[in-house]
Amino acid sequence: MKSLRSLSLALLLGATAATPLLLTAPMAQAASAADIDRDAGQALARLYRGNPVAADMGKRAEAILVFPHVIKAGLIFGGSYGEGVLLKGGRSSGYYNSVSASWGLQAGAQSYGYVMFLMNDKSVQYLDRSKGWEIGAGPTVVVVNEGVAKSLSSTTLTGDAYAFAFDQQGLMASLSIEGSKISRIER
């Protein structure tokens, strides 16, 4: 029993020590605006090729927020970080980061990207006015998986924002953007 407590304490201390490194490492190698724009364009093109519903949403959206690379890691304590661009009328309109922190039963690391289609002025204005959009608060965000995508049509698109995750790689049990905070950054 004593060795189990020692192991648990060691894991907790190791995870606590590693979490700041995981969260600050991507910031130390921040991408340039040109890099983000290039990666976002490639990611959006891949998403559109593989998902006609996303391509249709892209035509209807007021703005599109693209996070081409998000890194998520955790061992009891965890976090994620990624940088992206807001596209309005097909042009870069600002740069943002997506950050989350979590704790609980978790272990692993993964990378993924996500695109959020802002379907109305309400969602675009909220992003512009807020000092960080915490997903789960503010305008409604529908996370679209294959099952949800099959039921979407032009008449059922009534949400404020729709998020599509893609290019998921790694060994983490789940993917969720709920609890992520999206904030404007300078590039």
N, C-alpha and C. Protein backbone atom coordinates (compact mmCIF):
# COMPACT_ATOMS: atom_id res chain seq x y z
N MET A 1 0.82 -1.18 0.00
CA MET A 1 0.00 0.00 0.00
C MET A 1 0.87 1.25 0.00
N LYS A 2 1.96 1.20 0.76
CA LYS A 2 2.85 2.34 0.83
C LYS A 2 3.50 2.61 -0.53
N SER A 3 3.88 1.55 -1.25
CA SER A 3 4.49 1.74 -2.57
C SER A 3 3.49 2.29 -3.57
N LEU A 4 2.22 1.93 -3.44
CA LEU A 4 1.18 2.48 -4.32
C LEU A 4 1.03 3.98 -4.09
N ARG A 5 1.04 4.39 -2.83
CA ARG A 5 0.98 5.83 -2.52
C ARG A 5 2.20 6.54 -3.08
N SER A 6 3.37 5.94 -2.93
CA SER A 6 4.60 6.55 -3.44
C SER A 6 4.55 6.69 -4.95
N LEU A 7 4.05 5.65 -5.63
CA LEU A 7 3.92 5.71 -7.08
C LEU A 7 2.92 6.78 -7.48
N SER A 8 1.79 6.85 -6.81
CA SER A 8 0.78 7.86 -7.11
C SER A 8 1.34 9.26 -6.92
N LEU A 9 2.05 9.46 -5.83
CA LEU A 9 2.65 10.76 -5.56
C LEU A 9 3.68 11.10 -6.62
N ALA A 10 4.49 10.14 -7.02
CA ALA A 10 5.50 10.38 -8.06
C ALA A 10 4.84 10.75 -9.39
N LEU A 11 3.77 10.05 -9.75
CA LEU A 11 3.05 10.38 -10.99
C LEU A 11 2.46 11.77 -10.91
N LEU A 12 1.86 12.11 -9.79
CA LEU A 12 1.25 13.42 -9.61
C LEU A 12 2.30 14.52 -9.70
N LEU A 13 3.41 14.35 -9.01
CA LEU A 13 4.47 15.34 -9.05
C LEU A 13 5.08 15.45 -10.44
N GLY A 14 5.26 14.32 -11.10
CA GLY A 14 5.80 14.34 -12.47
C GLY A 14 4.87 15.04 -13.43
N ALA A 15 3.59 14.77 -13.33
CA ALA A 15 2.62 15.41 -14.20
C ALA A 15 2.53 16.89 -13.92
N THR A 16 2.57 17.26 -12.64
CA THR A 16 2.52 18.67 -12.26
C THR A 16 3.73 19.41 -12.81
N ALA A 17 4.88 18.80 -12.74
CA ALA A 17 6.10 19.42 -13.24
C ALA A 17 6.11 19.49 -14.76
N ALA A 18 5.57 18.49 -15.42
CA ALA A 18 5.62 18.43 -16.88
C ALA A 18 4.57 19.33 -17.54
N THR A 19 3.44 19.55 -16.90
CA THR A 19 2.36 20.30 -17.53
C THR A 19 2.79 21.70 -17.99
N PRO A 20 3.47 22.51 -17.16
CA PRO A 20 3.90 23.82 -17.66
C PRO A 20 4.82 23.72 -18.88
N LEU A 21 5.66 22.70 -18.91
CA LEU A 21 6.53 22.53 -20.07
C LEU A 21 5.73 22.21 -21.31
N LEU A 22 4.71 21.38 -21.19
CA LEU A 22 3.88 21.02 -22.33
C LEU A 22 3.12 22.24 -22.85
N LEU A 23 2.68 23.09 -21.93
CA LEU A 23 1.89 24.24 -22.34
C LEU A 23 2.74 25.38 -22.87
N THR A 24 3.97 25.52 -22.41
CA THR A 24 4.79 26.63 -22.86
C THR A 24 5.66 26.27 -24.05
N ALA A 25 5.93 25.00 -24.29
CA ALA A 25 6.79 24.61 -25.42
C ALA A 25 6.27 25.14 -26.75
N PRO A 26 4.97 25.01 -27.07
CA PRO A 26 4.51 25.54 -28.34
C PRO A 26 4.65 27.05 -28.43
N MET A 27 4.50 27.76 -27.30
CA MET A 27 4.60 29.21 -27.32
C MET A 27 6.02 29.65 -27.60
N ALA A 28 7.01 28.87 -27.17
CA ALA A 28 8.40 29.23 -27.38
C ALA A 28 8.76 29.19 -28.86
N GLN A 29 8.03 28.42 -29.65
CA GLN A 29 8.30 28.31 -31.07
C GLN A 29 7.09 28.81 -31.86
N ALA A 30 6.59 29.99 -31.50
CA ALA A 30 5.39 30.53 -32.11
C ALA A 30 5.58 30.68 -33.63
N ALA A 31 4.55 30.32 -34.35
CA ALA A 31 4.58 30.38 -35.80
C ALA A 31 4.37 31.82 -36.27
N SER A 32 4.90 32.12 -37.44
CA SER A 32 4.68 33.43 -38.03
C SER A 32 3.29 33.47 -38.65
N ALA A 33 2.82 34.67 -38.96
CA ALA A 33 1.52 34.82 -39.61
C ALA A 33 1.49 34.06 -40.93
N ALA A 34 2.58 34.13 -41.69
CA ALA A 34 2.64 33.43 -42.98
C ALA A 34 2.55 31.91 -42.79
N ASP A 35 3.21 31.39 -41.76
CA ASP A 35 3.15 29.95 -41.47
C ASP A 35 1.73 29.53 -41.10
N ILE A 36 1.09 30.31 -40.23
CA ILE A 36 -0.28 29.99 -39.82
C ILE A 36 -1.22 30.04 -41.02
N ASP A 37 -1.09 31.09 -41.84
CA ASP A 37 -1.95 31.22 -43.03
C ASP A 37 -1.79 30.03 -43.97
N ARG A 38 -0.53 29.64 -44.22
CA ARG A 38 -0.26 28.51 -45.12
C ARG A 38 -0.85 27.21 -44.56
N ASP A 39 -0.57 26.93 -43.28
CA ASP A 39 -1.06 25.70 -42.66
C ASP A 39 -2.59 25.69 -42.59
N ALA A 40 -3.18 26.83 -42.30
CA ALA A 40 -4.65 26.92 -42.22
C ALA A 40 -5.28 26.69 -43.60
N GLY A 41 -4.69 27.25 -44.63
CA GLY A 41 -5.21 27.04 -45.99
C GLY A 41 -5.15 25.57 -46.40
N GLN A 42 -4.05 24.91 -46.08
CA GLN A 42 -3.91 23.49 -46.39
C GLN A 42 -4.90 22.65 -45.59
N ALA A 43 -5.06 22.97 -44.32
CA ALA A 43 -5.97 22.21 -43.45
C ALA A 43 -7.42 22.38 -43.93
N LEU A 44 -7.80 23.59 -44.26
CA LEU A 44 -9.16 23.85 -44.72
C LEU A 44 -9.43 23.12 -46.04
N ALA A 45 -8.47 23.12 -46.95
CA ALA A 45 -8.62 22.41 -48.22
C ALA A 45 -8.81 20.90 -47.99
N ARG A 46 -8.02 20.32 -47.06
CA ARG A 46 -8.16 18.88 -46.74
C ARG A 46 -9.54 18.59 -46.15
N LEU A 47 -9.98 19.46 -45.23
CA LEU A 47 -11.30 19.27 -44.62
C LEU A 47 -12.39 19.33 -45.68
N TYR A 48 -12.34 20.29 -46.57
CA TYR A 48 -13.35 20.44 -47.62
C TYR A 48 -13.37 19.24 -48.56
N ARG A 49 -12.17 18.74 -48.91
CA ARG A 49 -12.11 17.57 -49.80
C ARG A 49 -12.76 16.35 -49.17
N GLY A 50 -12.58 16.17 -47.88
CA GLY A 50 -13.08 14.97 -47.21
C GLY A 50 -14.46 15.12 -46.60
N ASN A 51 -15.02 16.33 -46.60
CA ASN A 51 -16.29 16.55 -45.92
C ASN A 51 -17.13 17.60 -46.65
N PRO A 52 -18.05 17.16 -47.51
CA PRO A 52 -18.86 18.10 -48.29
C PRO A 52 -19.74 19.01 -47.42
N VAL A 53 -20.15 18.53 -46.23
CA VAL A 53 -20.95 19.36 -45.33
C VAL A 53 -20.12 20.56 -44.86
N ALA A 54 -18.85 20.31 -44.53
CA ALA A 54 -17.96 21.39 -44.11
C ALA A 54 -17.74 22.37 -45.26
N ALA A 55 -17.58 21.86 -46.47
CA ALA A 55 -17.38 22.74 -47.62
C ALA A 55 -18.60 23.63 -47.83
N ASP A 56 -19.80 23.08 -47.66
CA ASP A 56 -21.02 23.88 -47.78
C ASP A 56 -21.10 24.94 -46.68
N MET A 57 -20.74 24.54 -45.46
CA MET A 57 -20.74 25.51 -44.35
C MET A 57 -19.77 26.65 -44.60
N GLY A 58 -18.63 26.32 -45.18
CA GLY A 58 -17.63 27.34 -45.48
C GLY A 58 -18.18 28.42 -46.40
N LYS A 59 -19.07 28.05 -47.30
CA LYS A 59 -19.69 29.03 -48.21
C LYS A 59 -20.71 29.90 -47.50
N ARG A 60 -21.33 29.39 -46.44
CA ARG A 60 -22.40 30.09 -45.73
C ARG A 60 -21.91 30.87 -44.51
N ALA A 61 -20.75 30.53 -43.99
CA ALA A 61 -20.27 31.12 -42.74
C ALA A 61 -19.91 32.60 -42.88
N GLU A 62 -20.15 33.33 -41.81
CA GLU A 62 -19.74 34.74 -41.75
C GLU A 62 -18.22 34.84 -41.61
N ALA A 63 -17.65 33.88 -40.89
CA ALA A 63 -16.19 33.83 -40.68
C ALA A 63 -15.82 32.39 -40.35
N ILE A 64 -14.54 32.07 -40.53
CA ILE A 64 -14.04 30.72 -40.28
C ILE A 64 -12.78 30.84 -39.44
N LEU A 65 -12.76 30.14 -38.31
CA LEU A 65 -11.62 30.11 -37.43
C LEU A 65 -10.92 28.76 -37.62
N VAL A 66 -9.66 28.78 -38.06
CA VAL A 66 -8.93 27.55 -38.39
C VAL A 66 -7.73 27.39 -37.47
N PHE A 67 -7.71 26.28 -36.74
CA PHE A 67 -6.57 25.89 -35.91
C PHE A 67 -5.98 24.64 -36.54
N PRO A 68 -4.95 24.78 -37.39
CA PRO A 68 -4.43 23.62 -38.13
C PRO A 68 -3.68 22.61 -37.26
N HIS A 69 -3.05 23.06 -36.16
CA HIS A 69 -2.26 22.16 -35.32
C HIS A 69 -2.52 22.48 -33.84
N VAL A 70 -3.11 21.54 -33.13
CA VAL A 70 -3.29 21.67 -31.68
C VAL A 70 -2.62 20.46 -31.05
N ILE A 71 -1.84 20.69 -30.03
CA ILE A 71 -1.16 19.62 -29.30
C ILE A 71 -1.84 19.50 -27.94
N LYS A 72 -2.20 18.27 -27.58
CA LYS A 72 -2.83 18.00 -26.29
C LYS A 72 -2.06 16.88 -25.61
N ALA A 73 -1.73 17.07 -24.33
CA ALA A 73 -1.01 16.05 -23.58
C ALA A 73 -1.45 16.09 -22.13
N GLY A 74 -1.35 14.95 -21.47
CA GLY A 74 -1.71 14.93 -20.06
C GLY A 74 -1.33 13.65 -19.37
N LEU A 75 -1.06 13.79 -18.11
CA LEU A 75 -0.87 12.66 -17.20
C LEU A 75 -1.44 13.17 -15.88
N ILE A 76 -2.66 12.89 -15.62
CA ILE A 76 -3.49 13.42 -14.55
C ILE A 76 -3.80 14.90 -14.83
N PHE A 77 -2.78 15.76 -14.90
CA PHE A 77 -2.97 17.15 -15.32
C PHE A 77 -2.59 17.24 -16.79
N GLY A 78 -3.32 18.03 -17.54
CA GLY A 78 -3.02 18.11 -18.96
C GLY A 78 -3.38 19.47 -19.53
N GLY A 79 -3.13 19.60 -20.79
CA GLY A 79 -3.45 20.85 -21.46
C GLY A 79 -3.30 20.71 -22.95
N SER A 80 -3.76 21.75 -23.63
CA SER A 80 -3.61 21.79 -25.09
C SER A 80 -3.28 23.21 -25.51
N TYR A 81 -2.64 23.32 -26.69
CA TYR A 81 -2.30 24.63 -27.23
C TYR A 81 -2.22 24.54 -28.74
N GLY A 82 -2.74 25.54 -29.41
CA GLY A 82 -2.62 25.65 -30.85
C GLY A 82 -2.86 27.09 -31.28
N GLU A 83 -2.35 27.45 -32.45
CA GLU A 83 -2.54 28.79 -32.98
C GLU A 83 -3.28 28.70 -34.30
N GLY A 84 -4.12 29.71 -34.57
CA GLY A 84 -4.91 29.69 -35.79
C GLY A 84 -5.22 31.08 -36.29
N VAL A 85 -6.05 31.11 -37.33
CA VAL A 85 -6.37 32.36 -38.01
C VAL A 85 -7.88 32.46 -38.21
N LEU A 86 -8.39 33.68 -38.13
CA LEU A 86 -9.78 33.96 -38.44
C LEU A 86 -9.85 34.45 -39.87
N LEU A 87 -10.66 33.78 -40.67
CA LEU A 87 -10.83 34.16 -42.08
C LEU A 87 -12.20 34.82 -42.26
N LYS A 88 -12.18 35.99 -42.85
CA LYS A 88 -13.42 36.69 -43.22
C LYS A 88 -13.32 36.99 -44.70
N GLY A 89 -14.28 36.51 -45.46
CA GLY A 89 -14.23 36.71 -46.90
C GLY A 89 -13.00 36.09 -47.54
N GLY A 90 -12.51 35.01 -46.95
CA GLY A 90 -11.34 34.31 -47.49
C GLY A 90 -10.01 34.95 -47.14
N ARG A 91 -10.02 36.03 -46.37
CA ARG A 91 -8.78 36.73 -46.00
C ARG A 91 -8.54 36.65 -44.49
N SER A 92 -7.27 36.67 -44.12
CA SER A 92 -6.91 36.67 -42.71
C SER A 92 -7.40 37.94 -42.04
N SER A 93 -8.06 37.76 -40.90
CA SER A 93 -8.64 38.90 -40.20
C SER A 93 -8.14 39.00 -38.76
N GLY A 94 -7.30 38.08 -38.34
CA GLY A 94 -6.75 38.10 -36.99
C GLY A 94 -6.23 36.72 -36.63
N TYR A 95 -5.38 36.69 -35.63
CA TYR A 95 -4.76 35.44 -35.20
C TYR A 95 -5.16 35.15 -33.76
N TYR A 96 -5.34 33.86 -33.46
CA TYR A 96 -5.87 33.43 -32.18
C TYR A 96 -5.11 32.21 -31.69
N ASN A 97 -5.19 31.98 -30.37
CA ASN A 97 -4.71 30.72 -29.84
C ASN A 97 -5.87 30.00 -29.17
N SER A 98 -5.74 28.71 -29.07
CA SER A 98 -6.71 27.84 -28.41
C SER A 98 -5.96 27.13 -27.30
N VAL A 99 -6.38 27.36 -26.05
CA VAL A 99 -5.68 26.84 -24.88
C VAL A 99 -6.69 26.14 -23.98
N SER A 100 -6.30 25.02 -23.42
CA SER A 100 -7.14 24.37 -22.41
C SER A 100 -6.25 23.75 -21.35
N ALA A 101 -6.83 23.58 -20.18
CA ALA A 101 -6.17 22.87 -19.09
C ALA A 101 -7.19 21.91 -18.50
N SER A 102 -6.71 20.76 -18.02
CA SER A 102 -7.63 19.77 -17.47
C SER A 102 -6.92 18.95 -16.42
N TRP A 103 -7.71 18.27 -15.63
CA TRP A 103 -7.17 17.33 -14.66
C TRP A 103 -8.16 16.19 -14.52
N GLY A 104 -7.65 15.07 -14.10
CA GLY A 104 -8.50 13.89 -13.94
C GLY A 104 -7.81 12.67 -14.49
N LEU A 105 -8.59 11.65 -14.71
CA LEU A 105 -8.04 10.39 -15.20
C LEU A 105 -7.73 10.54 -16.68
N GLN A 106 -6.48 10.82 -16.99
CA GLN A 106 -6.05 10.99 -18.37
C GLN A 106 -4.56 10.67 -18.48
N ALA A 107 -4.18 10.18 -19.62
CA ALA A 107 -2.78 9.91 -19.89
C ALA A 107 -2.62 9.82 -21.39
N GLY A 108 -1.62 10.47 -21.92
CA GLY A 108 -1.34 10.36 -23.34
C GLY A 108 -1.07 11.70 -23.97
N ALA A 109 -0.94 11.67 -25.28
CA ALA A 109 -0.70 12.88 -26.06
C ALA A 109 -1.33 12.69 -27.43
N GLN A 110 -1.75 13.78 -28.02
CA GLN A 110 -2.31 13.71 -29.37
C GLN A 110 -2.17 15.07 -30.03
N SER A 111 -2.28 15.05 -31.33
CA SER A 111 -2.34 16.28 -32.10
C SER A 111 -3.59 16.20 -32.97
N TYR A 112 -4.14 17.34 -33.26
CA TYR A 112 -5.32 17.43 -34.11
C TYR A 112 -5.46 18.86 -34.60
N GLY A 113 -6.38 19.08 -35.46
CA GLY A 113 -6.73 20.43 -35.90
C GLY A 113 -8.23 20.58 -35.79
N TYR A 114 -8.70 21.81 -35.77
CA TYR A 114 -10.14 22.01 -35.84
C TYR A 114 -10.47 23.32 -36.53
N VAL A 115 -11.64 23.30 -37.14
CA VAL A 115 -12.16 24.47 -37.84
C VAL A 115 -13.50 24.80 -37.19
N MET A 116 -13.69 26.08 -36.89
CA MET A 116 -14.96 26.53 -36.35
C MET A 116 -15.59 27.50 -37.34
N PHE A 117 -16.78 27.12 -37.81
CA PHE A 117 -17.52 27.97 -38.73
C PHE A 117 -18.44 28.87 -37.92
N LEU A 118 -18.21 30.18 -37.99
CA LEU A 118 -19.04 31.16 -37.29
C LEU A 118 -20.15 31.57 -38.25
N MET A 119 -21.37 31.12 -37.96
CA MET A 119 -22.46 31.19 -38.93
C MET A 119 -23.23 32.50 -38.93
N ASN A 120 -23.05 33.34 -37.91
CA ASN A 120 -23.84 34.57 -37.86
C ASN A 120 -23.01 35.70 -37.23
N ASP A 121 -23.55 36.92 -37.33
CA ASP A 121 -22.87 38.08 -36.76
C ASP A 121 -22.71 37.97 -35.25
N LYS A 122 -23.68 37.34 -34.58
CA LYS A 122 -23.61 37.18 -33.13
C LYS A 122 -22.32 36.48 -32.71
N SER A 123 -21.98 35.40 -33.37
CA SER A 123 -20.78 34.65 -33.00
C SER A 123 -19.51 35.41 -33.37
N VAL A 124 -19.50 36.09 -34.50
CA VAL A 124 -18.32 36.86 -34.92
C VAL A 124 -18.11 38.03 -33.96
N GLN A 125 -19.19 38.73 -33.61
CA GLN A 125 -19.07 39.86 -32.68
C GLN A 125 -18.64 39.40 -31.30
N TYR A 126 -19.13 38.25 -30.85
CA TYR A 126 -18.72 37.73 -29.55
C TYR A 126 -17.22 37.46 -29.54
N LEU A 127 -16.71 36.85 -30.59
CA LEU A 127 -15.27 36.59 -30.68
C LEU A 127 -14.49 37.91 -30.68
N ASP A 128 -14.97 38.90 -31.42
CA ASP A 128 -14.29 40.20 -31.50
C ASP A 128 -14.32 40.95 -30.17
N ARG A 129 -15.44 40.90 -29.45
CA ARG A 129 -15.61 41.69 -28.22
C ARG A 129 -15.06 41.02 -26.97
N SER A 130 -15.09 39.70 -26.93
CA SER A 130 -14.70 39.00 -25.70
C SER A 130 -13.19 39.04 -25.51
N LYS A 131 -12.79 38.91 -24.28
CA LYS A 131 -11.35 38.83 -23.97
C LYS A 131 -10.93 37.36 -23.95
N GLY A 132 -11.59 36.58 -24.73
CA GLY A 132 -11.34 35.14 -24.80
C GLY A 132 -12.66 34.39 -24.77
N TRP A 133 -12.91 33.63 -25.80
CA TRP A 133 -14.16 32.87 -25.91
C TRP A 133 -13.91 31.51 -25.30
N GLU A 134 -14.55 31.24 -24.18
CA GLU A 134 -14.46 29.93 -23.56
C GLU A 134 -15.55 29.06 -24.17
N ILE A 135 -15.13 28.02 -24.89
CA ILE A 135 -16.10 27.14 -25.54
C ILE A 135 -16.95 26.47 -24.46
N GLY A 136 -18.24 26.59 -24.60
CA GLY A 136 -19.17 26.11 -23.58
C GLY A 136 -19.87 27.28 -22.92
N ALA A 137 -19.32 28.49 -23.11
CA ALA A 137 -19.95 29.73 -22.65
C ALA A 137 -20.09 30.62 -23.88
N GLY A 138 -21.05 31.49 -23.89
CA GLY A 138 -21.25 32.36 -25.04
C GLY A 138 -22.09 31.68 -26.10
N PRO A 139 -21.91 32.06 -27.36
CA PRO A 139 -22.70 31.46 -28.44
C PRO A 139 -22.57 29.94 -28.48
N THR A 140 -23.60 29.29 -28.95
CA THR A 140 -23.64 27.83 -29.02
C THR A 140 -22.67 27.31 -30.07
N VAL A 141 -21.87 26.32 -29.68
CA VAL A 141 -20.95 25.65 -30.62
C VAL A 141 -21.38 24.19 -30.71
N VAL A 142 -21.67 23.74 -31.91
CA VAL A 142 -22.02 22.35 -32.15
C VAL A 142 -20.76 21.66 -32.69
N VAL A 143 -20.28 20.65 -31.97
CA VAL A 143 -19.14 19.88 -32.44
C VAL A 143 -19.68 18.81 -33.38
N VAL A 144 -19.21 18.83 -34.62
CA VAL A 144 -19.75 17.96 -35.65
C VAL A 144 -18.86 16.73 -35.82
N ASN A 145 -19.48 15.56 -35.63
CA ASN A 145 -18.80 14.30 -35.95
C ASN A 145 -19.52 13.71 -37.15
N GLU A 146 -19.14 12.52 -37.57
CA GLU A 146 -19.74 11.94 -38.77
C GLU A 146 -21.25 11.77 -38.63
N GLY A 147 -21.73 11.37 -37.46
CA GLY A 147 -23.16 11.18 -37.25
C GLY A 147 -23.93 12.48 -37.35
N VAL A 148 -23.42 13.53 -36.72
CA VAL A 148 -24.08 14.84 -36.78
C VAL A 148 -24.03 15.37 -38.21
N ALA A 149 -22.90 15.21 -38.88
CA ALA A 149 -22.76 15.73 -40.25
C ALA A 149 -23.81 15.16 -41.19
N LYS A 150 -24.16 13.89 -41.02
CA LYS A 150 -25.15 13.26 -41.90
C LYS A 150 -26.53 13.87 -41.74
N SER A 151 -26.81 14.45 -40.57
CA SER A 151 -28.15 15.00 -40.33
C SER A 151 -28.23 16.49 -40.62
N LEU A 152 -27.11 17.12 -41.00
CA LEU A 152 -27.12 18.56 -41.27
C LEU A 152 -27.50 18.85 -42.70
N SER A 153 -28.30 19.89 -42.86
CA SER A 153 -28.66 20.39 -44.19
C SER A 153 -28.83 21.89 -44.06
N SER A 154 -29.07 22.56 -45.17
CA SER A 154 -29.21 24.02 -45.13
C SER A 154 -30.38 24.45 -44.25
N THR A 155 -31.38 23.60 -44.07
CA THR A 155 -32.52 23.97 -43.22
C THR A 155 -32.26 23.66 -41.74
N THR A 156 -31.29 22.81 -41.43
CA THR A 156 -31.02 22.48 -40.03
C THR A 156 -29.85 23.27 -39.45
N LEU A 157 -29.21 24.11 -40.25
CA LEU A 157 -28.08 24.92 -39.77
C LEU A 157 -28.60 26.13 -39.00
N THR A 158 -28.94 25.91 -37.74
CA THR A 158 -29.49 26.99 -36.93
C THR A 158 -28.56 27.40 -35.79
N GLY A 159 -27.43 26.72 -35.63
CA GLY A 159 -26.50 27.04 -34.55
C GLY A 159 -25.67 28.26 -34.86
N ASP A 160 -25.04 28.81 -33.81
CA ASP A 160 -24.18 29.98 -33.98
C ASP A 160 -22.84 29.60 -34.59
N ALA A 161 -22.32 28.44 -34.20
CA ALA A 161 -21.00 28.00 -34.67
C ALA A 161 -20.96 26.47 -34.72
N TYR A 162 -20.21 25.96 -35.67
CA TYR A 162 -20.03 24.52 -35.84
C TYR A 162 -18.53 24.24 -35.90
N ALA A 163 -18.07 23.23 -35.15
CA ALA A 163 -16.65 22.89 -35.11
C ALA A 163 -16.44 21.49 -35.66
N PHE A 164 -15.45 21.34 -36.53
CA PHE A 164 -15.05 20.07 -37.12
C PHE A 164 -13.60 19.80 -36.70
N ALA A 165 -13.35 18.67 -36.09
CA ALA A 165 -11.98 18.26 -35.76
C ALA A 165 -11.47 17.36 -36.88
N PHE A 166 -10.18 17.38 -37.11
CA PHE A 166 -9.59 16.57 -38.18
C PHE A 166 -8.15 16.23 -37.84
N ASP A 167 -7.57 15.31 -38.58
CA ASP A 167 -6.17 14.90 -38.46
C ASP A 167 -5.79 14.48 -37.04
N GLN A 168 -6.69 13.79 -36.36
CA GLN A 168 -6.40 13.35 -35.00
C GLN A 168 -5.37 12.23 -35.04
N GLN A 169 -4.28 12.42 -34.28
CA GLN A 169 -3.21 11.42 -34.19
C GLN A 169 -2.74 11.37 -32.75
N GLY A 170 -2.42 10.19 -32.28
CA GLY A 170 -1.85 10.07 -30.95
C GLY A 170 -2.61 9.09 -30.09
N LEU A 171 -2.26 9.08 -28.83
CA LEU A 171 -2.80 8.10 -27.89
C LEU A 171 -3.47 8.80 -26.71
N MET A 172 -4.59 9.43 -26.94
CA MET A 172 -5.35 10.01 -25.85
C MET A 172 -6.78 9.53 -26.03
N ALA A 173 -7.45 9.26 -24.95
CA ALA A 173 -8.75 8.58 -25.00
C ALA A 173 -9.84 9.38 -25.70
N SER A 174 -9.84 10.70 -25.59
CA SER A 174 -10.95 11.45 -26.17
C SER A 174 -10.46 12.77 -26.74
N LEU A 175 -11.31 13.37 -27.56
CA LEU A 175 -11.03 14.67 -28.14
C LEU A 175 -12.19 15.57 -27.83
N SER A 176 -11.92 16.69 -27.20
CA SER A 176 -12.97 17.64 -26.86
C SER A 176 -12.40 19.04 -26.93
N ILE A 177 -13.16 19.96 -27.52
CA ILE A 177 -12.73 21.36 -27.50
C ILE A 177 -13.48 22.13 -26.43
N GLU A 178 -14.47 21.48 -25.79
CA GLU A 178 -15.19 22.14 -24.70
C GLU A 178 -14.21 22.48 -23.60
N GLY A 179 -14.31 23.69 -23.09
CA GLY A 179 -13.38 24.15 -22.07
C GLY A 179 -12.17 24.85 -22.65
N SER A 180 -12.01 24.81 -23.96
CA SER A 180 -10.92 25.54 -24.59
C SER A 180 -11.24 27.04 -24.56
N LYS A 181 -10.21 27.83 -24.45
CA LYS A 181 -10.37 29.28 -24.49
C LYS A 181 -9.66 29.80 -25.71
N ILE A 182 -10.39 30.55 -26.52
CA ILE A 182 -9.84 31.12 -27.75
C ILE A 182 -9.62 32.61 -27.51
N SER A 183 -8.36 33.04 -27.68
CA SER A 183 -7.99 34.43 -27.42
C SER A 183 -7.19 34.98 -28.59
N ARG A 184 -7.34 36.27 -28.82
CA ARG A 184 -6.61 36.95 -29.89
C ARG A 184 -5.13 37.06 -29.52
N ILE A 185 -4.26 36.86 -30.51
CA ILE A 185 -2.81 37.03 -30.33
C ILE A 185 -2.28 37.92 -31.44
N GLU A 186 -1.11 38.45 -31.26
CA GLU A 186 -0.47 39.30 -32.27
C GLU A 186 0.48 38.46 -33.12
N ARG A 187 0.44 38.63 -34.40
CA ARG A 187 1.38 37.99 -35.32
C ARG A 187 1.76 39.00 -36.37
